[in-house]
Amino acid sequence: MAPLEVHAAAPDGLGRMSIDKDFSGDIVGVSHGEMVAVNIPSGGSAAYVALELVEGSVHGKTGTFWLQHKATLLHGEGHMDITVVPGSATGQLSGMTGSMVIDAGNNHAYEFDYLLPD
């Protein structure tokens, strides 16, 4: 991840980051995307939204799919929702649905729960 510029009128606390990941394990491939985040130091809260295109294979089936991220943090308690954008999967992954959980304490390990049509 790397910081990106925000527009000139962006309020304090708003930030943008590029997303570039390498996956190994049941998902093999790369992803690229962009995140917009806000950090509220006085309230101990933060939030981010992101879109990320994954290209590679899932359990040996190849294609691409978009992930939509939405996360919030309040006083150390977080909630994260990452889902496959409906209709976005291509190739052998076409029709895939699913959701993902990131374990930030485990070197950003991912748990991916997905379904492919028969």
N, C-alpha and C. Protein backbone atom coordinates (compact mmCIF):
# COMPACT_ATOMS: atom_id res chain seq x y z
N MET A 1 0.85 -1.17 0.00
CA MET A 1 0.00 0.00 0.00
C MET A 1 0.89 1.23 0.00
N ALA A 2 0.43 2.26 -0.71
CA ALA A 2 1.20 3.50 -0.79
C ALA A 2 0.23 4.67 -0.80
N PRO A 3 0.59 5.79 -0.16
CA PRO A 3 -0.29 6.95 -0.14
C PRO A 3 -0.45 7.57 -1.53
N LEU A 4 -1.65 8.09 -1.78
CA LEU A 4 -1.97 8.83 -3.00
C LEU A 4 -2.41 10.22 -2.61
N GLU A 5 -2.31 11.16 -3.52
CA GLU A 5 -2.76 12.53 -3.25
C GLU A 5 -4.28 12.58 -3.15
N VAL A 6 -4.77 13.45 -2.27
CA VAL A 6 -6.19 13.73 -2.21
C VAL A 6 -6.43 15.07 -2.90
N HIS A 7 -7.67 15.35 -3.28
CA HIS A 7 -7.95 16.61 -3.99
C HIS A 7 -7.72 17.81 -3.07
N ALA A 8 -7.55 18.97 -3.66
CA ALA A 8 -7.15 20.18 -2.95
C ALA A 8 -8.10 20.57 -1.82
N ALA A 9 -9.39 20.31 -1.98
CA ALA A 9 -10.35 20.71 -0.96
C ALA A 9 -10.65 19.60 0.05
N ALA A 10 -9.87 18.53 0.04
CA ALA A 10 -10.12 17.41 0.96
C ALA A 10 -9.95 17.86 2.41
N PRO A 11 -10.89 17.49 3.26
CA PRO A 11 -10.79 17.87 4.68
C PRO A 11 -9.67 17.10 5.38
N ASP A 12 -9.19 17.67 6.50
CA ASP A 12 -8.17 17.00 7.31
C ASP A 12 -8.68 15.62 7.73
N GLY A 13 -7.79 14.66 7.72
CA GLY A 13 -8.13 13.30 8.14
C GLY A 13 -8.46 12.37 6.99
N LEU A 14 -8.76 12.93 5.80
CA LEU A 14 -9.10 12.11 4.64
C LEU A 14 -7.83 11.72 3.91
N GLY A 15 -7.72 10.45 3.58
CA GLY A 15 -6.54 9.97 2.87
C GLY A 15 -6.89 8.95 1.81
N ARG A 16 -5.97 8.76 0.88
CA ARG A 16 -6.13 7.76 -0.19
C ARG A 16 -4.88 6.89 -0.22
N MET A 17 -5.09 5.61 -0.55
CA MET A 17 -3.97 4.67 -0.65
C MET A 17 -4.18 3.80 -1.88
N SER A 18 -3.07 3.46 -2.53
CA SER A 18 -3.13 2.45 -3.58
C SER A 18 -3.03 1.08 -2.91
N ILE A 19 -3.61 0.08 -3.57
CA ILE A 19 -3.57 -1.30 -3.07
C ILE A 19 -2.89 -2.14 -4.13
N ASP A 20 -1.82 -2.80 -3.77
CA ASP A 20 -1.13 -3.75 -4.65
C ASP A 20 -0.75 -4.94 -3.79
N LYS A 21 -1.36 -6.11 -4.07
CA LYS A 21 -1.14 -7.30 -3.24
C LYS A 21 -0.71 -8.47 -4.10
N ASP A 22 0.03 -9.37 -3.47
CA ASP A 22 0.34 -10.68 -4.03
C ASP A 22 -0.33 -11.71 -3.14
N PHE A 23 -1.08 -12.64 -3.75
CA PHE A 23 -1.76 -13.69 -3.00
C PHE A 23 -1.05 -15.02 -3.22
N SER A 24 -0.99 -15.83 -2.16
CA SER A 24 -0.51 -17.20 -2.28
C SER A 24 -1.37 -18.07 -1.38
N GLY A 25 -1.44 -19.34 -1.68
CA GLY A 25 -2.31 -20.24 -0.94
C GLY A 25 -3.45 -20.67 -1.85
N ASP A 26 -4.68 -20.69 -1.32
CA ASP A 26 -5.83 -21.07 -2.13
C ASP A 26 -6.13 -20.04 -3.21
N ILE A 27 -5.77 -18.77 -2.96
CA ILE A 27 -5.85 -17.73 -3.99
C ILE A 27 -4.40 -17.46 -4.42
N VAL A 28 -4.15 -17.58 -5.72
CA VAL A 28 -2.82 -17.29 -6.26
C VAL A 28 -2.99 -16.20 -7.29
N GLY A 29 -2.32 -15.08 -7.11
CA GLY A 29 -2.44 -14.00 -8.07
C GLY A 29 -2.06 -12.67 -7.48
N VAL A 30 -2.57 -11.62 -8.10
CA VAL A 30 -2.28 -10.25 -7.68
C VAL A 30 -3.58 -9.46 -7.62
N SER A 31 -3.52 -8.31 -6.94
CA SER A 31 -4.65 -7.40 -6.95
C SER A 31 -4.14 -5.97 -6.99
N HIS A 32 -4.99 -5.10 -7.51
CA HIS A 32 -4.70 -3.67 -7.58
C HIS A 32 -6.00 -2.93 -7.30
N GLY A 33 -5.90 -1.84 -6.55
CA GLY A 33 -7.09 -1.09 -6.25
C GLY A 33 -6.78 0.21 -5.55
N GLU A 34 -7.82 0.80 -4.96
CA GLU A 34 -7.68 2.09 -4.29
C GLU A 34 -8.59 2.15 -3.07
N MET A 35 -8.06 2.78 -2.02
CA MET A 35 -8.76 2.93 -0.75
C MET A 35 -8.89 4.42 -0.42
N VAL A 36 -10.03 4.77 0.15
CA VAL A 36 -10.24 6.10 0.72
C VAL A 36 -10.54 5.89 2.20
N ALA A 37 -9.83 6.62 3.06
CA ALA A 37 -9.97 6.40 4.50
C ALA A 37 -10.06 7.72 5.24
N VAL A 38 -10.65 7.64 6.44
CA VAL A 38 -10.70 8.79 7.33
C VAL A 38 -10.31 8.32 8.73
N ASN A 39 -9.52 9.15 9.40
CA ASN A 39 -9.06 8.85 10.75
C ASN A 39 -9.50 9.99 11.65
N ILE A 40 -10.22 9.66 12.73
CA ILE A 40 -10.72 10.65 13.67
C ILE A 40 -9.98 10.46 15.00
N PRO A 41 -8.77 11.05 15.13
CA PRO A 41 -7.96 10.80 16.33
C PRO A 41 -8.67 11.19 17.63
N SER A 42 -9.40 12.29 17.63
CA SER A 42 -10.05 12.74 18.87
C SER A 42 -11.16 11.80 19.31
N GLY A 43 -11.76 11.09 18.37
CA GLY A 43 -12.85 10.17 18.71
C GLY A 43 -12.42 8.72 18.76
N GLY A 44 -11.16 8.45 18.41
CA GLY A 44 -10.68 7.07 18.42
C GLY A 44 -11.34 6.20 17.38
N SER A 45 -11.75 6.80 16.27
CA SER A 45 -12.44 6.02 15.25
C SER A 45 -11.80 6.25 13.89
N ALA A 46 -12.12 5.35 12.98
CA ALA A 46 -11.62 5.41 11.61
C ALA A 46 -12.57 4.62 10.72
N ALA A 47 -12.45 4.84 9.42
CA ALA A 47 -13.26 4.09 8.45
C ALA A 47 -12.54 4.09 7.11
N TYR A 48 -12.82 3.05 6.31
CA TYR A 48 -12.31 3.04 4.95
C TYR A 48 -13.26 2.32 4.03
N VAL A 49 -13.20 2.70 2.76
CA VAL A 49 -13.87 1.99 1.68
C VAL A 49 -12.82 1.77 0.60
N ALA A 50 -12.97 0.67 -0.14
CA ALA A 50 -11.98 0.37 -1.18
C ALA A 50 -12.60 -0.52 -2.24
N LEU A 51 -12.02 -0.46 -3.44
CA LEU A 51 -12.32 -1.38 -4.53
C LEU A 51 -11.01 -1.97 -4.98
N GLU A 52 -11.01 -3.30 -5.22
CA GLU A 52 -9.78 -4.03 -5.51
C GLU A 52 -10.07 -5.09 -6.56
N LEU A 53 -9.32 -5.10 -7.65
CA LEU A 53 -9.47 -6.12 -8.70
C LEU A 53 -8.45 -7.22 -8.47
N VAL A 54 -8.94 -8.45 -8.27
CA VAL A 54 -8.08 -9.62 -8.06
C VAL A 54 -7.99 -10.37 -9.38
N GLU A 55 -6.75 -10.72 -9.77
CA GLU A 55 -6.51 -11.47 -11.01
C GLU A 55 -5.66 -12.68 -10.68
N GLY A 56 -6.15 -13.88 -11.01
CA GLY A 56 -5.38 -15.08 -10.72
C GLY A 56 -6.26 -16.30 -10.68
N SER A 57 -6.03 -17.16 -9.67
CA SER A 57 -6.81 -18.39 -9.57
C SER A 57 -7.27 -18.60 -8.13
N VAL A 58 -8.44 -19.23 -8.01
CA VAL A 58 -9.00 -19.62 -6.72
C VAL A 58 -9.19 -21.13 -6.80
N HIS A 59 -8.44 -21.85 -6.00
CA HIS A 59 -8.46 -23.32 -6.03
C HIS A 59 -8.30 -23.84 -7.46
N GLY A 60 -7.40 -23.21 -8.22
CA GLY A 60 -7.07 -23.67 -9.57
C GLY A 60 -7.95 -23.16 -10.68
N LYS A 61 -9.02 -22.44 -10.37
CA LYS A 61 -9.89 -21.87 -11.40
C LYS A 61 -9.46 -20.42 -11.63
N THR A 62 -9.23 -20.05 -12.89
CA THR A 62 -8.65 -18.75 -13.19
C THR A 62 -9.70 -17.73 -13.63
N GLY A 63 -9.36 -16.46 -13.40
CA GLY A 63 -10.21 -15.35 -13.81
C GLY A 63 -9.89 -14.12 -12.98
N THR A 64 -10.82 -13.19 -13.01
CA THR A 64 -10.71 -11.96 -12.22
C THR A 64 -12.01 -11.73 -11.47
N PHE A 65 -11.94 -10.91 -10.41
CA PHE A 65 -13.14 -10.49 -9.70
C PHE A 65 -12.81 -9.25 -8.89
N TRP A 66 -13.83 -8.43 -8.67
CA TRP A 66 -13.69 -7.22 -7.87
C TRP A 66 -14.12 -7.49 -6.44
N LEU A 67 -13.37 -6.93 -5.49
CA LEU A 67 -13.75 -6.94 -4.08
C LEU A 67 -14.13 -5.53 -3.66
N GLN A 68 -15.22 -5.42 -2.90
CA GLN A 68 -15.66 -4.15 -2.32
C GLN A 68 -15.41 -4.23 -0.82
N HIS A 69 -14.66 -3.25 -0.27
CA HIS A 69 -14.34 -3.20 1.15
C HIS A 69 -15.13 -2.08 1.82
N LYS A 70 -15.58 -2.33 3.05
CA LYS A 70 -16.15 -1.29 3.91
C LYS A 70 -15.79 -1.66 5.33
N ALA A 71 -15.13 -0.76 6.05
CA ALA A 71 -14.71 -1.08 7.41
C ALA A 71 -14.81 0.15 8.31
N THR A 72 -15.10 -0.11 9.59
CA THR A 72 -15.15 0.96 10.59
C THR A 72 -14.42 0.49 11.84
N LEU A 73 -13.91 1.44 12.59
CA LEU A 73 -13.22 1.17 13.84
C LEU A 73 -13.66 2.21 14.85
N LEU A 74 -14.05 1.76 16.05
CA LEU A 74 -14.43 2.67 17.13
C LEU A 74 -13.83 2.15 18.42
N HIS A 75 -12.91 2.93 19.01
CA HIS A 75 -12.24 2.57 20.27
C HIS A 75 -11.68 1.15 20.24
N GLY A 76 -11.02 0.80 19.14
CA GLY A 76 -10.38 -0.50 19.02
C GLY A 76 -11.27 -1.64 18.57
N GLU A 77 -12.57 -1.41 18.49
CA GLU A 77 -13.50 -2.43 18.02
C GLU A 77 -13.82 -2.17 16.56
N GLY A 78 -13.55 -3.15 15.71
CA GLY A 78 -13.75 -2.94 14.29
C GLY A 78 -14.79 -3.85 13.69
N HIS A 79 -15.31 -3.43 12.56
CA HIS A 79 -16.20 -4.24 11.74
C HIS A 79 -15.76 -4.09 10.29
N MET A 80 -15.60 -5.21 9.61
CA MET A 80 -15.14 -5.20 8.24
C MET A 80 -16.09 -6.03 7.38
N ASP A 81 -16.44 -5.49 6.22
CA ASP A 81 -17.30 -6.20 5.27
C ASP A 81 -16.61 -6.15 3.91
N ILE A 82 -16.15 -7.29 3.42
CA ILE A 82 -15.50 -7.38 2.12
C ILE A 82 -16.27 -8.41 1.31
N THR A 83 -16.81 -7.99 0.17
CA THR A 83 -17.62 -8.89 -0.65
C THR A 83 -17.17 -8.85 -2.11
N VAL A 84 -17.41 -9.97 -2.80
CA VAL A 84 -17.20 -10.01 -4.24
C VAL A 84 -18.32 -9.19 -4.87
N VAL A 85 -17.97 -8.24 -5.73
CA VAL A 85 -18.98 -7.42 -6.40
C VAL A 85 -19.80 -8.34 -7.31
N PRO A 86 -21.12 -8.38 -7.12
CA PRO A 86 -21.95 -9.28 -7.92
C PRO A 86 -21.76 -9.05 -9.43
N GLY A 87 -21.58 -10.15 -10.16
CA GLY A 87 -21.45 -10.08 -11.61
C GLY A 87 -20.08 -9.69 -12.11
N SER A 88 -19.11 -9.48 -11.19
CA SER A 88 -17.80 -8.98 -11.61
C SER A 88 -16.82 -10.08 -11.99
N ALA A 89 -17.06 -11.32 -11.61
CA ALA A 89 -16.10 -12.40 -11.84
C ALA A 89 -16.10 -12.81 -13.32
N THR A 90 -14.89 -13.14 -13.81
CA THR A 90 -14.71 -13.52 -15.23
C THR A 90 -14.03 -14.88 -15.32
N GLY A 91 -13.96 -15.40 -16.54
CA GLY A 91 -13.27 -16.66 -16.80
C GLY A 91 -13.93 -17.81 -16.06
N GLN A 92 -13.12 -18.72 -15.55
CA GLN A 92 -13.64 -19.87 -14.81
C GLN A 92 -14.26 -19.48 -13.48
N LEU A 93 -14.09 -18.24 -13.06
CA LEU A 93 -14.69 -17.75 -11.81
C LEU A 93 -16.03 -17.07 -12.05
N SER A 94 -16.46 -17.00 -13.29
CA SER A 94 -17.71 -16.31 -13.65
C SER A 94 -18.87 -16.82 -12.80
N GLY A 95 -19.64 -15.90 -12.26
CA GLY A 95 -20.78 -16.23 -11.42
C GLY A 95 -20.44 -16.41 -9.95
N MET A 96 -19.16 -16.28 -9.60
CA MET A 96 -18.73 -16.46 -8.22
C MET A 96 -19.34 -15.39 -7.32
N THR A 97 -19.72 -15.80 -6.11
CA THR A 97 -20.14 -14.89 -5.05
C THR A 97 -19.26 -15.20 -3.84
N GLY A 98 -19.15 -14.25 -2.93
CA GLY A 98 -18.37 -14.56 -1.74
C GLY A 98 -18.07 -13.36 -0.88
N SER A 99 -17.40 -13.66 0.23
CA SER A 99 -16.97 -12.62 1.16
C SER A 99 -15.61 -13.00 1.72
N MET A 100 -14.91 -11.99 2.24
CA MET A 100 -13.55 -12.18 2.73
C MET A 100 -13.39 -11.51 4.08
N VAL A 101 -12.55 -12.11 4.92
CA VAL A 101 -12.18 -11.53 6.21
C VAL A 101 -10.66 -11.42 6.22
N ILE A 102 -10.14 -10.28 6.66
CA ILE A 102 -8.70 -10.06 6.78
C ILE A 102 -8.32 -10.16 8.24
N ASP A 103 -7.34 -11.00 8.55
CA ASP A 103 -6.80 -11.10 9.90
C ASP A 103 -5.55 -10.22 9.96
N ALA A 104 -5.73 -8.95 10.32
CA ALA A 104 -4.64 -7.99 10.31
C ALA A 104 -3.54 -8.35 11.31
N GLY A 105 -3.85 -9.11 12.35
CA GLY A 105 -2.86 -9.51 13.33
C GLY A 105 -2.01 -10.69 12.88
N ASN A 106 -2.36 -11.31 11.78
CA ASN A 106 -1.66 -12.50 11.29
C ASN A 106 -1.04 -12.21 9.93
N ASN A 107 -0.24 -11.12 9.86
CA ASN A 107 0.43 -10.74 8.61
C ASN A 107 -0.57 -10.61 7.46
N HIS A 108 -1.73 -10.09 7.75
CA HIS A 108 -2.80 -9.90 6.77
C HIS A 108 -3.17 -11.21 6.06
N ALA A 109 -3.44 -12.24 6.85
CA ALA A 109 -3.95 -13.50 6.30
C ALA A 109 -5.42 -13.29 5.92
N TYR A 110 -5.88 -14.02 4.91
CA TYR A 110 -7.24 -13.85 4.40
C TYR A 110 -8.02 -15.15 4.55
N GLU A 111 -9.29 -15.03 4.92
CA GLU A 111 -10.22 -16.15 4.90
C GLU A 111 -11.27 -15.81 3.85
N PHE A 112 -11.38 -16.62 2.81
CA PHE A 112 -12.26 -16.34 1.68
C PHE A 112 -13.34 -17.41 1.59
N ASP A 113 -14.57 -17.00 1.77
CA ASP A 113 -15.74 -17.90 1.69
C ASP A 113 -16.44 -17.57 0.39
N TYR A 114 -16.48 -18.53 -0.55
CA TYR A 114 -17.03 -18.24 -1.86
C TYR A 114 -17.83 -19.42 -2.40
N LEU A 115 -18.67 -19.13 -3.39
CA LEU A 115 -19.45 -20.15 -4.11
C LEU A 115 -19.31 -19.91 -5.60
N LEU A 116 -19.17 -21.01 -6.33
CA LEU A 116 -19.17 -20.96 -7.80
C LEU A 116 -20.40 -21.71 -8.28
N PRO A 117 -21.05 -21.21 -9.35
CA PRO A 117 -22.21 -21.97 -9.85
C PRO A 117 -21.77 -23.32 -10.42
N ASP A 118 -22.67 -24.29 -10.40
CA ASP A 118 -22.36 -25.63 -10.96
C ASP A 118 -22.11 -25.58 -12.43
